[in-house]
Amino acid sequence: MKYLLRRLFAWFAIALITVTTLFACTNSRNINNGNKLGISDRTDERIVLGTTSTIRTLDPADANEFFISNIFYNSLERLYSYKEGSNEIVPQLATDMPKVSEDGLTYSVPVRTGIKFHDRTNFNAYTMKFALERFMNLEGAPASILSDVIASISAPSDAELIFQLKQPLQFFPKFLAFTGAAAISPQVYKHIKDEKTGKLLFLPDKLVGTGPYQVTQFVEGSYLRLDAFPDYWGKKPVNKGVDIQFFSSNANLLNAFKTGVVDIAFQTLTPTQIKNVEANAKQNDWTIASGQGATILYMVLNTQQAPLNDVRVRQALAAAIDRPLLQNRIFFNQREPLYSLIPSSFNESRPVFEQKYADGNGKLARQLLQEAGYSDDKPAQISIWYSPKYGGNGDLIASTLRASIQKNVGKILQVKTERVENTVGYAFLDKGVYPAYLLDWVPDILDPDNYIKPFLECEEAEGNLCKKGGSQFQGSFYNNPKMNELIANQRKERDSNKRSQQLQQIQEILAQDVPFIPLWQNKEYAFAQKGLQGVKIEPNQQLPYWNISK
């Protein structure tokens, strides 16, 4: 996916913005406390949510960071969404699932009418066409999610959209469920243009859609106000609105939650802070909502750089890693061991690395290294690069990982860890600079393909060197023609059983060739004060606001 590094730069190039110093308080429903946070009408009918996340822009055509996706999830709507409590795709602004042509290239989607945007203008297929074409044409951070797969969009009537795809894609409705692929009011957005060229521009400080909440105030780095939209066509929120307060540090967020300044803490506390909240939850009647997240942590291996250009060395490294050790010592069981790039939350996932290598298998690792010509006197040497922000504590993760590998394998493998800032690391990752690099991945589309194609596909190759494609972009440079064939076939396969078999083959080849080593899968958390109800993390990792009440 071409948007990977752009997204990574966006996450880590944003500077943290200092907010007003917090003070101690004891009553989470005290209106004076609310005033200190910039909230003028804090009542029992409104929810205050605290976060350390930042919002770079409110424009869905230019934003794909996780927290803003949660705002989009609650204030915008798409043709398709996920059924509450599951990963099942269901119609939202569409009235039914699409009709698909025999060649799999044409999708006809029936569209709702009689719905109002937040500015009270009418929604229909024409306005949806405007929003999706704007999403692609403005070439913002997430544009390629749709532009890579959609050739054209037409609206034969106000109640139908027709999508022509570039290639068959049997799970295409999941792309239309991406949080940013949402309806926005043309009445607002079509007038935002460059005065000289007449081209459409981004609108970073407003958000006008059709969802259950409307944005009524935004102070960058400080405060976002969401009010329940009175003319919403669907299920009405059980609260009057949500006030989102941005905090400059995890410590400030934790203090605000413990002292009752915020009703909910979401995104993000450190593993140690989460452990602290869990330990004190019972005596304070706090609610902890958690769910298996879609974010994965992994290691990319440069298959072209010695000694990792020898598959036996890559396999040895995979065997040497002890996932449960870090799960317990570093993550306090807040992340689960991951044995495939496809998370265990998908039925298609197979624990291929566990089956082939187990954990901390020093005996197998030594055997593989010896077969590759290494010994205690002539060790293999590998440098693993990482960001200090990796997994919340990159230094501790890297040092523990290195120490456990050395303990399991001995002198035959010498591991060195190297620290690099994200902006530098990501700039050189696809240039082949790093032999091994610790990364994380937040999917855009909730489908196994989004953990396969952006990692393992090679579009252009020279021998076994990938020169263009997901593999090159990630810094692995892995190329396997059989893998490329399987990736292409599973994207268009309509028979779910056949596709599952293809995905299993992909995972087996992944475990054999080891261009990547899957490490851990995260959990998502939301912490709620006593008396709050309806706080739940959905399987798609999102936190719906409309069910939350006091």
Protein backbone atom coordinates (compact mmCIF):
# COMPACT_ATOMS: atom_id res chain seq x y z
CA MET A 1 0.00 0.00 0.00
CA LYS A 2 1.53 3.28 -1.14
CA TYR A 3 0.13 5.23 1.78
CA LEU A 4 2.07 3.36 4.46
CA LEU A 5 4.98 5.73 4.99
CA ARG A 6 2.84 8.82 4.55
CA ARG A 7 0.69 7.53 7.38
CA LEU A 8 3.68 6.73 9.55
CA PHE A 9 5.15 10.19 8.99
CA ALA A 10 1.81 11.74 9.92
CA TRP A 11 1.66 9.84 13.20
CA PHE A 12 5.13 10.58 14.40
CA ALA A 13 5.91 13.99 12.92
CA ILE A 14 3.07 15.63 14.88
CA ALA A 15 4.45 17.55 17.87
CA LEU A 16 2.65 17.16 21.18
CA ILE A 17 0.72 20.29 22.14
CA THR A 18 0.81 21.42 25.78
CA VAL A 19 -2.58 21.91 27.37
CA THR A 20 -3.71 23.78 30.47
CA THR A 21 -2.23 22.35 33.66
CA LEU A 22 -4.67 20.03 35.35
CA PHE A 23 -5.69 20.34 38.92
CA ALA A 24 -6.92 17.87 41.49
CA CYS A 25 -10.64 17.35 41.92
CA THR A 26 -12.85 14.70 43.38
CA ASN A 27 -16.29 15.01 41.84
CA SER A 28 -16.49 13.88 38.20
CA ARG A 29 -19.79 15.72 37.75
CA ASN A 30 -18.76 19.06 39.17
CA ILE A 31 -19.61 21.82 36.67
CA ASN A 32 -16.75 24.03 37.88
CA ASN A 33 -14.28 21.28 37.03
CA GLY A 34 -15.82 21.13 33.59
CA ASN A 35 -15.28 24.87 33.15
CA LYS A 36 -11.58 24.46 33.90
CA LEU A 37 -11.41 22.12 30.93
CA GLY A 38 -13.18 24.52 28.62
CA ILE A 39 -16.50 22.69 28.94
CA SER A 40 -19.23 25.17 29.71
CA ASP A 41 -22.25 22.94 30.23
CA ARG A 42 -21.01 19.70 31.74
CA THR A 43 -24.05 17.74 32.93
CA ASP A 44 -25.04 14.17 33.61
CA GLU A 45 -26.42 14.01 30.07
CA ARG A 46 -22.98 14.63 28.52
CA ILE A 47 -19.88 12.42 28.54
CA VAL A 48 -16.32 13.72 28.99
CA LEU A 49 -13.67 11.63 27.29
CA GLY A 50 -9.95 12.16 27.83
CA THR A 51 -7.17 11.13 25.44
CA THR A 52 -3.49 11.71 24.75
CA SER A 53 -4.11 11.34 21.02
CA THR A 54 -3.96 14.39 18.79
CA ILE A 55 -6.07 15.44 15.83
CA ARG A 56 -4.10 16.76 12.88
CA THR A 57 -7.15 17.46 10.73
CA LEU A 58 -10.89 16.82 10.71
CA ASP A 59 -10.96 16.26 6.96
CA PRO A 60 -11.76 12.58 6.18
CA ALA A 61 -9.93 12.91 2.85
CA ASP A 62 -6.67 13.72 4.66
CA ALA A 63 -6.76 11.79 7.94
CA ASN A 64 -6.16 8.14 8.76
CA GLU A 65 -4.69 8.18 12.26
CA PHE A 66 -6.52 5.90 14.68
CA PHE A 67 -8.15 8.38 17.05
CA ILE A 68 -9.62 10.56 14.31
CA SER A 69 -11.06 7.39 12.82
CA ASN A 70 -13.00 7.00 16.07
CA ILE A 71 -14.39 10.53 15.66
CA PHE A 72 -15.38 9.68 12.08
CA TYR A 73 -16.95 6.44 13.30
CA ASN A 74 -19.29 8.41 15.59
CA SER A 75 -19.99 11.48 13.45
CA LEU A 76 -19.89 10.28 9.84
CA GLU A 77 -21.51 7.41 7.97
CA ARG A 78 -20.48 5.19 5.11
CA LEU A 79 -22.27 3.02 2.60
CA TYR A 80 -21.36 0.00 4.74
CA SER A 81 -20.35 -0.45 8.35
CA TYR A 82 -19.85 -3.24 10.88
CA LYS A 83 -22.68 -4.82 12.81
CA GLU A 84 -22.35 -4.02 16.50
CA GLY A 85 -20.59 -6.84 18.31
CA SER A 86 -19.12 -8.46 15.20
CA ASN A 87 -16.96 -7.94 12.13
CA GLU A 88 -19.92 -8.59 9.83
CA ILE A 89 -20.36 -5.98 7.09
CA VAL A 90 -23.88 -4.51 6.96
CA PRO A 91 -25.51 -1.68 4.97
CA GLN A 92 -25.46 1.78 6.52
CA LEU A 93 -26.14 4.49 3.93
CA ALA A 94 -26.66 1.69 1.43
CA THR A 95 -29.97 -0.14 1.65
CA ASP A 96 -28.60 -3.56 0.75
CA MET A 97 -25.43 -5.40 -0.15
CA PRO A 98 -24.18 -4.65 -3.69
CA LYS A 99 -24.96 -6.57 -6.86
CA VAL A 100 -21.76 -7.78 -8.50
CA SER A 101 -21.15 -8.43 -12.19
CA GLU A 102 -19.95 -11.82 -13.41
CA ASP A 103 -16.43 -10.53 -14.00
CA GLY A 104 -16.29 -9.06 -10.48
CA LEU A 105 -15.48 -5.58 -11.78
CA THR A 106 -18.83 -3.79 -11.42
CA TYR A 107 -20.58 -3.21 -8.08
CA SER A 108 -24.08 -1.71 -8.02
CA VAL A 109 -25.03 -0.25 -4.62
CA PRO A 110 -28.57 0.85 -3.68
CA VAL A 111 -28.45 4.09 -1.67
CA ARG A 112 -30.76 5.53 1.00
CA THR A 113 -32.62 8.78 0.47
CA GLY A 114 -34.51 11.04 2.89
CA ILE A 115 -31.46 11.52 5.14
CA LYS A 116 -30.17 14.90 6.28
CA PHE A 117 -26.60 16.14 6.60
CA HIS A 118 -25.72 18.10 9.73
CA ASP A 119 -26.26 21.30 7.72
CA ARG A 120 -29.80 20.03 6.94
CA THR A 121 -29.13 19.50 3.22
CA ASN A 122 -30.23 16.23 1.63
CA PHE A 123 -28.13 13.11 1.24
CA ASN A 124 -28.40 10.93 -1.88
CA ALA A 125 -26.24 8.96 -4.31
CA TYR A 126 -24.95 12.14 -5.96
CA THR A 127 -23.63 13.53 -2.68
CA MET A 128 -22.01 10.18 -1.88
CA LYS A 129 -20.33 10.19 -5.29
CA PHE A 130 -18.99 13.69 -4.59
CA ALA A 131 -17.55 12.61 -1.22
CA LEU A 132 -15.81 9.49 -2.52
CA GLU A 133 -14.38 11.19 -5.61
CA ARG A 134 -13.12 14.05 -3.46
CA PHE A 135 -11.55 11.49 -1.10
CA MET A 136 -9.58 9.99 -4.00
CA ASN A 137 -8.82 13.09 -6.06
CA LEU A 138 -7.42 15.29 -3.28
CA GLU A 139 -4.66 12.69 -2.81
CA GLY A 140 -4.59 13.01 0.97
CA ALA A 141 -2.94 10.48 3.29
CA PRO A 142 -5.64 7.77 2.88
CA ALA A 143 -6.55 8.44 -0.79
CA SER A 144 -4.90 5.32 -2.20
CA ILE A 145 -7.12 3.08 -0.07
CA LEU A 146 -9.86 3.72 -2.63
CA SER A 147 -7.95 5.07 -5.64
CA ASP A 148 -5.88 1.88 -5.87
CA VAL A 149 -9.02 -0.21 -6.40
CA ILE A 150 -11.73 2.06 -7.92
CA ALA A 151 -11.56 2.98 -11.62
CA SER A 152 -14.73 5.11 -11.71
CA ILE A 153 -17.96 5.95 -9.86
CA SER A 154 -21.27 6.82 -11.48
CA ALA A 155 -24.71 7.71 -10.11
CA PRO A 156 -27.51 6.70 -12.55
CA SER A 157 -30.08 8.05 -10.07
CA ASP A 158 -30.26 9.56 -6.60
CA ALA A 159 -30.71 6.05 -5.17
CA GLU A 160 -27.94 4.07 -6.92
CA LEU A 161 -24.16 4.12 -7.22
CA ILE A 162 -22.12 2.04 -9.64
CA PHE A 163 -18.46 1.30 -8.95
CA GLN A 164 -16.12 0.10 -11.67
CA LEU A 165 -13.06 -1.58 -10.19
CA LYS A 166 -9.56 -1.81 -11.61
CA GLN A 167 -9.36 -5.49 -10.67
CA PRO A 168 -11.80 -7.97 -9.16
CA LEU A 169 -11.94 -7.62 -5.38
CA GLN A 170 -14.39 -9.89 -3.65
CA PHE A 171 -14.29 -8.02 -0.31
CA PHE A 172 -14.75 -4.56 -1.87
CA PRO A 173 -17.63 -3.55 0.51
CA LYS A 174 -15.05 -3.55 3.33
CA PHE A 175 -13.23 -0.72 1.53
CA LEU A 176 -16.48 1.25 1.53
CA ALA A 177 -16.66 0.70 5.31
CA PHE A 178 -13.34 2.51 5.88
CA THR A 179 -14.13 5.27 8.40
CA GLY A 180 -12.96 8.07 6.11
CA ALA A 181 -14.90 6.86 3.06
CA ALA A 182 -17.90 8.73 4.38
CA ALA A 183 -20.66 11.03 3.20
CA ILE A 184 -19.90 14.73 3.64
CA SER A 185 -22.05 17.69 2.63
CA PRO A 186 -21.21 19.05 -0.86
CA GLN A 187 -22.86 22.30 0.21
CA VAL A 188 -19.95 22.81 2.62
CA TYR A 189 -16.99 21.07 0.99
CA LYS A 190 -17.43 21.94 -2.69
CA HIS A 191 -16.87 25.64 -1.96
CA ILE A 192 -13.46 25.11 -0.33
CA LYS A 193 -11.25 25.86 -3.33
CA ASP A 194 -7.96 27.43 -4.27
CA GLU A 195 -8.77 30.93 -5.51
CA LYS A 196 -6.24 30.78 -8.36
CA THR A 197 -6.67 27.21 -9.65
CA GLY A 198 -10.25 26.48 -8.59
CA LYS A 199 -9.15 23.09 -7.23
CA LEU A 200 -10.82 21.65 -4.14
CA LEU A 201 -8.90 22.01 -0.89
CA PHE A 202 -8.92 20.22 2.44
CA LEU A 203 -11.12 21.54 5.25
CA PRO A 204 -9.19 20.76 8.44
CA ASP A 205 -11.35 22.42 11.11
CA LYS A 206 -14.93 21.40 10.23
CA LEU A 207 -16.78 18.11 9.88
CA VAL A 208 -20.25 17.92 8.31
CA GLY A 209 -21.69 14.46 7.75
CA THR A 210 -24.85 12.46 8.49
CA GLY A 211 -23.89 10.59 11.68
CA PRO A 212 -25.44 10.53 15.16
CA TYR A 213 -23.10 13.29 16.39
CA GLN A 214 -22.13 16.62 14.86
CA VAL A 215 -18.94 18.56 15.57
CA THR A 216 -19.93 21.92 17.08
CA GLN A 217 -16.57 23.14 18.43
CA PHE A 218 -12.92 22.29 17.80
CA VAL A 219 -9.93 23.89 19.50
CA GLU A 220 -6.84 22.18 18.12
CA GLY A 221 -4.79 20.46 20.81
CA SER A 222 -7.34 21.23 23.51
CA TYR A 223 -10.99 20.39 23.00
CA LEU A 224 -13.53 18.83 20.62
CA ARG A 225 -17.27 19.04 21.24
CA LEU A 226 -19.73 16.56 19.76
CA ASP A 227 -23.47 17.17 20.10
CA ALA A 228 -26.14 14.60 19.38
CA PHE A 229 -27.65 15.43 15.98
CA PRO A 230 -31.41 16.00 16.55
CA ASP A 231 -32.38 15.08 12.97
CA TYR A 232 -30.42 11.84 12.87
CA TRP A 233 -32.25 9.22 10.85
CA GLY A 234 -31.10 6.15 12.80
CA LYS A 235 -30.84 5.01 16.40
CA LYS A 236 -30.61 8.09 18.65
CA PRO A 237 -27.70 8.43 21.09
CA VAL A 238 -28.63 7.88 24.75
CA ASN A 239 -26.56 10.92 25.77
CA LYS A 240 -26.70 14.58 24.69
CA GLY A 241 -23.12 14.72 23.51
CA VAL A 242 -19.45 13.95 24.12
CA ASP A 243 -16.76 16.43 25.16
CA ILE A 244 -13.27 15.27 24.19
CA GLN A 245 -10.35 16.71 26.13
CA PHE A 246 -6.77 16.31 24.84
CA PHE A 247 -3.97 15.76 27.36
CA SER A 248 -0.27 16.32 26.80
CA SER A 249 0.91 13.16 28.57
CA ASN A 250 -0.18 9.72 29.77
CA ALA A 251 0.44 10.86 33.35
CA ASN A 252 -1.93 13.82 32.97
CA LEU A 253 -4.59 11.59 31.47
CA LEU A 254 -4.24 9.04 34.27
CA ASN A 255 -4.47 11.79 36.90
CA ALA A 256 -7.55 13.27 35.21
CA PHE A 257 -9.24 9.89 35.26
CA LYS A 258 -8.31 9.06 38.85
CA THR A 259 -9.53 12.43 40.10
CA GLY A 260 -12.78 12.26 38.13
CA VAL A 261 -12.06 15.09 35.70
CA VAL A 262 -12.95 12.80 32.79
CA ASP A 263 -15.61 10.12 32.62
CA ILE A 264 -13.66 7.94 30.18
CA ALA A 265 -9.95 7.53 29.44
CA PHE A 266 -9.31 6.22 25.93
CA GLN A 267 -6.12 6.22 23.89
CA THR A 268 -3.71 5.80 25.56
CA LEU A 269 -2.22 4.73 28.88
CA THR A 270 1.06 2.84 29.17
CA PRO A 271 1.09 -0.87 30.14
CA THR A 272 2.24 0.05 33.67
CA GLN A 273 -0.56 2.62 34.03
CA ILE A 274 -3.13 0.15 32.73
CA LYS A 275 -1.93 -2.37 35.31
CA ASN A 276 -2.34 0.31 37.99
CA VAL A 277 -5.92 1.08 36.92
CA GLU A 278 -6.77 -2.62 36.81
CA ALA A 279 -5.41 -3.07 40.35
CA ASN A 280 -7.58 -0.23 41.68
CA ALA A 281 -10.70 -0.78 39.57
CA LYS A 282 -12.68 -2.85 42.05
CA GLN A 283 -12.35 -0.49 45.01
CA ASN A 284 -13.24 2.52 42.83
CA ASP A 285 -16.02 0.77 40.85
CA TRP A 286 -14.26 1.64 37.60
CA THR A 287 -15.28 -0.21 34.45
CA ILE A 288 -12.61 -1.54 32.13
CA ALA A 289 -13.72 -2.21 28.57
CA SER A 290 -11.23 -4.11 26.46
CA GLY A 291 -11.19 -5.95 23.19
CA GLN A 292 -8.76 -7.74 20.96
CA GLY A 293 -7.20 -5.03 18.86
CA ALA A 294 -6.31 -5.13 15.19
CA THR A 295 -2.86 -3.55 15.63
CA ILE A 296 0.08 -5.93 15.30
CA LEU A 297 3.76 -5.61 16.29
CA TYR A 298 6.30 -7.38 14.11
CA MET A 299 9.90 -7.43 12.87
CA VAL A 300 10.78 -6.84 9.23
CA LEU A 301 13.89 -8.63 7.93
CA ASN A 302 15.92 -7.35 4.97
CA THR A 303 16.20 -10.50 2.85
CA GLN A 304 18.93 -8.93 0.71
CA GLN A 305 21.37 -8.01 3.47
CA ALA A 306 23.82 -10.48 5.03
CA PRO A 307 23.48 -12.52 7.14
CA LEU A 308 19.69 -12.31 6.76
CA ASN A 309 19.93 -13.08 3.05
CA ASP A 310 20.31 -16.70 4.22
CA VAL A 311 16.85 -18.07 5.02
CA ARG A 312 18.35 -20.30 7.74
CA VAL A 313 19.49 -17.24 9.68
CA ARG A 314 16.03 -15.70 9.40
CA GLN A 315 14.50 -18.96 10.59
CA ALA A 316 16.95 -19.12 13.49
CA LEU A 317 15.97 -15.63 14.61
CA ALA A 318 12.29 -16.62 14.43
CA ALA A 319 12.99 -19.67 16.60
CA ALA A 320 15.01 -17.66 19.16
CA ILE A 321 12.31 -15.11 20.01
CA ASP A 322 10.35 -15.69 23.22
CA ARG A 323 7.00 -13.90 22.81
CA PRO A 324 5.40 -15.00 26.13
CA LEU A 325 8.40 -13.65 28.05
CA LEU A 326 7.78 -10.09 26.90
CA GLN A 327 4.03 -10.61 27.09
CA ASN A 328 4.41 -11.16 30.84
CA ARG A 329 7.33 -8.93 31.79
CA ILE A 330 6.83 -5.90 29.55
CA PHE A 331 3.19 -5.91 28.45
CA PHE A 332 1.62 -7.37 31.63
CA ASN A 333 -0.54 -9.62 29.43
CA GLN A 334 -2.02 -6.59 27.67
CA ARG A 335 -0.71 -7.91 24.35
CA GLU A 336 -1.03 -11.45 23.04
CA PRO A 337 1.68 -13.46 21.24
CA LEU A 338 1.21 -13.35 17.48
CA TYR A 339 2.22 -16.31 15.31
CA SER A 340 1.10 -15.08 11.91
CA LEU A 341 0.83 -11.69 10.26
CA ILE A 342 -2.92 -12.33 10.17
CA PRO A 343 -4.19 -11.72 13.74
CA SER A 344 -5.89 -14.52 15.63
CA SER A 345 -9.16 -12.54 15.61
CA PHE A 346 -9.63 -13.66 11.98
CA ASN A 347 -10.82 -17.21 11.34
CA GLU A 348 -8.26 -17.52 8.55
CA SER A 349 -5.33 -17.02 10.94
CA ARG A 350 -3.01 -19.98 11.46
CA PRO A 351 -0.30 -20.04 14.20
CA VAL A 352 2.33 -21.09 11.68
CA PHE A 353 5.32 -19.64 13.53
CA GLU A 354 4.34 -21.38 16.76
CA GLN A 355 3.93 -24.67 14.92
CA LYS A 356 7.24 -24.38 13.06
CA TYR A 357 9.50 -22.66 15.60
CA ALA A 358 7.72 -22.47 18.99
CA ASP A 359 9.10 -19.79 21.39
CA GLY A 360 12.64 -19.35 22.65
CA ASN A 361 13.71 -22.49 20.79
CA GLY A 362 17.46 -22.08 21.23
CA LYS A 363 18.26 -25.65 20.20
CA LEU A 364 16.58 -25.25 16.79
CA ALA A 365 18.08 -21.78 16.33
CA ARG A 366 21.62 -23.08 16.97
CA GLN A 367 21.08 -26.00 14.61
CA LEU A 368 19.94 -23.69 11.81
CA LEU A 369 22.86 -21.31 12.36
CA GLN A 370 25.33 -24.18 12.34
CA GLU A 371 23.87 -25.39 9.04
CA ALA A 372 24.43 -21.86 7.72
CA GLY A 373 28.12 -22.09 8.65
CA TYR A 374 28.19 -20.19 11.94
CA SER A 375 29.64 -21.19 15.30
CA ASP A 376 30.43 -19.73 18.71
CA ASP A 377 33.81 -18.68 17.32
CA LYS A 378 32.26 -17.34 14.11
CA PRO A 379 28.88 -15.93 15.15
CA ALA A 380 26.16 -14.46 12.97
CA GLN A 381 25.73 -10.75 13.73
CA ILE A 382 22.38 -8.96 13.40
CA SER A 383 21.44 -5.36 14.19
CA ILE A 384 17.79 -4.76 15.11
CA TRP A 385 16.64 -1.16 14.77
CA TYR A 386 13.72 0.32 16.69
CA SER A 387 12.00 3.56 17.66
CA PRO A 388 11.97 4.68 21.32
CA LYS A 389 8.16 4.90 20.96
CA TYR A 390 7.81 1.32 19.73
CA GLY A 391 5.13 -0.53 21.67
CA GLY A 392 5.02 2.28 24.23
CA ASN A 393 8.57 1.61 25.49
CA GLY A 394 10.93 0.75 22.65
CA ASP A 395 14.09 0.79 24.78
CA LEU A 396 12.76 -1.75 27.26
CA ILE A 397 11.25 -3.96 24.56
CA ALA A 398 14.44 -3.98 22.48
CA SER A 399 16.78 -4.64 25.41
CA THR A 400 14.61 -7.45 26.78
CA LEU A 401 14.22 -8.98 23.34
CA ARG A 402 17.99 -8.89 22.75
CA ALA A 403 18.80 -10.37 26.17
CA SER A 404 16.31 -13.22 25.76
CA ILE A 405 17.64 -14.10 22.29
CA GLN A 406 21.23 -14.18 23.58
CA LYS A 407 20.21 -16.34 26.53
CA ASN A 408 18.34 -18.81 24.33
CA VAL A 409 20.92 -19.13 21.57
CA GLY A 410 24.29 -18.31 23.08
CA LYS A 411 27.39 -16.92 21.40
CA ILE A 412 26.56 -18.27 17.93
CA LEU A 413 24.21 -15.31 17.38
CA GLN A 414 25.23 -11.79 18.34
CA VAL A 415 22.32 -9.32 18.41
CA LYS A 416 22.79 -5.58 18.63
CA THR A 417 19.90 -3.15 19.07
CA GLU A 418 20.05 0.29 17.46
CA ARG A 419 17.81 3.26 18.36
CA VAL A 420 16.48 5.62 15.70
CA GLU A 421 13.77 8.28 15.66
CA ASN A 422 10.73 7.38 13.58
CA THR A 423 11.02 10.25 11.13
CA VAL A 424 14.55 9.11 10.25
CA GLY A 425 13.85 5.39 10.33
CA TYR A 426 10.82 5.48 8.10
CA ALA A 427 12.55 7.74 5.61
CA PHE A 428 15.23 5.10 4.93
CA LEU A 429 13.30 1.87 5.54
CA ASP A 430 12.47 1.30 1.86
CA LYS A 431 16.03 2.15 0.82
CA GLY A 432 17.47 -1.06 2.30
CA VAL A 433 19.43 0.63 5.08
CA TYR A 434 18.28 -1.56 7.98
CA PRO A 435 18.87 -5.32 8.34
CA ALA A 436 16.00 -5.69 10.82
CA TYR A 437 13.44 -3.21 12.14
CA LEU A 438 10.68 -3.38 14.76
CA LEU A 439 7.40 -2.00 13.43
CA ASP A 440 3.70 -1.91 14.16
CA TRP A 441 0.75 -1.94 11.78
CA VAL A 442 -2.74 -0.48 12.12
CA PRO A 443 -5.00 -1.83 9.34
CA ASP A 444 -7.23 0.35 7.21
CA ILE A 445 -9.45 -2.51 6.05
CA LEU A 446 -10.54 -5.25 8.45
CA ASP A 447 -9.70 -8.18 6.22
CA PRO A 448 -6.81 -10.70 6.23
CA ASP A 449 -5.64 -9.20 2.93
CA ASN A 450 -4.65 -5.98 4.73
CA TYR A 451 -2.08 -7.98 6.69
CA ILE A 452 -0.80 -9.79 3.59
CA LYS A 453 -0.70 -7.61 0.49
CA PRO A 454 1.01 -4.56 2.09
CA PHE A 455 3.71 -6.87 3.47
CA LEU A 456 4.36 -9.68 1.02
CA GLU A 457 3.34 -8.55 -2.46
CA CYS A 458 5.99 -7.55 -5.00
CA GLU A 459 4.84 -5.64 -8.10
CA GLU A 460 8.24 -5.41 -9.80
CA ALA A 461 11.25 -7.64 -9.16
CA GLU A 462 14.74 -8.38 -10.35
CA GLY A 463 15.38 -11.99 -9.45
CA ASN A 464 14.59 -12.42 -5.77
CA LEU A 465 14.93 -8.66 -5.14
CA CYS A 466 11.66 -6.74 -4.91
CA LYS A 467 12.08 -3.29 -6.44
CA LYS A 468 8.47 -2.10 -6.07
CA GLY A 469 5.56 -3.21 -3.92
CA GLY A 470 4.55 -3.76 -0.32
CA SER A 471 7.62 -5.86 0.41
CA GLN A 472 10.00 -3.15 -0.83
CA PHE A 473 8.04 -0.43 0.96
CA GLN A 474 8.33 -2.31 4.26
CA GLY A 475 12.08 -2.80 3.87
CA SER A 476 12.06 -6.57 3.36
CA PHE A 477 12.61 -6.63 -0.45
CA TYR A 478 11.17 -10.15 -0.46
CA ASN A 479 9.98 -11.62 -3.75
CA ASN A 480 8.34 -15.00 -4.28
CA PRO A 481 6.33 -15.51 -7.51
CA LYS A 482 4.16 -18.17 -5.85
CA MET A 483 3.36 -15.76 -3.03
CA ASN A 484 2.42 -13.02 -5.52
CA GLU A 485 0.13 -15.44 -7.33
CA LEU A 486 -1.63 -16.52 -4.17
CA ILE A 487 -2.11 -12.92 -3.02
CA ALA A 488 -3.72 -11.99 -6.34
CA ASN A 489 -5.95 -15.07 -6.36
CA GLN A 490 -7.30 -14.68 -2.81
CA ARG A 491 -8.33 -11.10 -3.56
CA LYS A 492 -10.73 -12.19 -6.28
CA GLU A 493 -11.77 -15.63 -4.98
CA ARG A 494 -15.50 -15.64 -4.14
CA ASP A 495 -15.56 -19.12 -2.62
CA SER A 496 -14.74 -18.56 1.08
CA ASN A 497 -13.39 -22.09 1.56
CA LYS A 498 -11.03 -21.79 -1.40
CA ARG A 499 -9.89 -18.36 -0.24
CA SER A 500 -9.22 -19.71 3.24
CA GLN A 501 -7.04 -22.43 1.72
CA GLN A 502 -5.11 -19.83 -0.28
CA LEU A 503 -4.57 -17.71 2.83
CA GLN A 504 -3.32 -20.79 4.69
CA GLN A 505 -0.80 -21.43 1.91
CA ILE A 506 0.34 -17.81 2.15
CA GLN A 507 0.93 -18.14 5.88
CA GLU A 508 2.84 -21.41 5.46
CA ILE A 509 5.16 -19.82 2.88
CA LEU A 510 5.57 -16.82 5.20
CA ALA A 511 6.74 -19.12 8.01
CA GLN A 512 9.11 -20.92 5.65
CA ASP A 513 10.68 -17.85 4.03
CA VAL A 514 10.53 -15.53 7.09
CA PRO A 515 10.69 -12.05 5.51
CA PHE A 516 8.77 -10.89 8.59
CA ILE A 517 8.46 -12.22 12.14
CA PRO A 518 5.06 -11.62 13.80
CA LEU A 519 5.46 -10.76 17.49
CA TRP A 520 2.40 -9.48 19.38
CA GLN A 521 -1.19 -8.39 18.89
CA ASN A 522 -2.54 -5.52 20.96
CA LYS A 523 -5.62 -5.08 23.09
CA GLU A 524 -7.64 -1.88 23.07
CA TYR A 525 -8.80 -0.35 26.36
CA ALA A 526 -11.33 2.22 27.56
CA PHE A 527 -11.64 3.05 31.28
CA ALA A 528 -14.90 4.40 32.69
CA GLN A 529 -15.94 5.98 35.98
CA LYS A 530 -18.43 4.49 38.39
CA GLY A 531 -22.00 4.60 37.11
CA LEU A 532 -21.21 4.77 33.38
CA GLN A 533 -22.96 2.23 31.20
CA GLY A 534 -22.57 1.12 27.60
CA VAL A 535 -18.79 1.53 27.34
CA LYS A 536 -17.65 -1.18 24.95
CA ILE A 537 -14.79 -1.75 22.49
CA GLU A 538 -16.16 -3.17 19.26
CA PRO A 539 -14.39 -5.99 17.36
CA ASN A 540 -13.38 -3.35 14.78
CA GLN A 541 -11.45 -1.59 17.63
CA GLN A 542 -13.83 1.37 17.68
CA LEU A 543 -15.51 2.88 20.73
CA PRO A 544 -19.14 3.82 19.95
CA TYR A 545 -20.30 6.85 21.92
CA TRP A 546 -24.02 6.55 21.27
CA ASN A 547 -24.56 3.73 23.82
CA ILE A 548 -22.80 5.49 26.73
CA SER A 549 -24.86 6.91 29.58
CA LYS A 550 -24.53 7.83 33.28
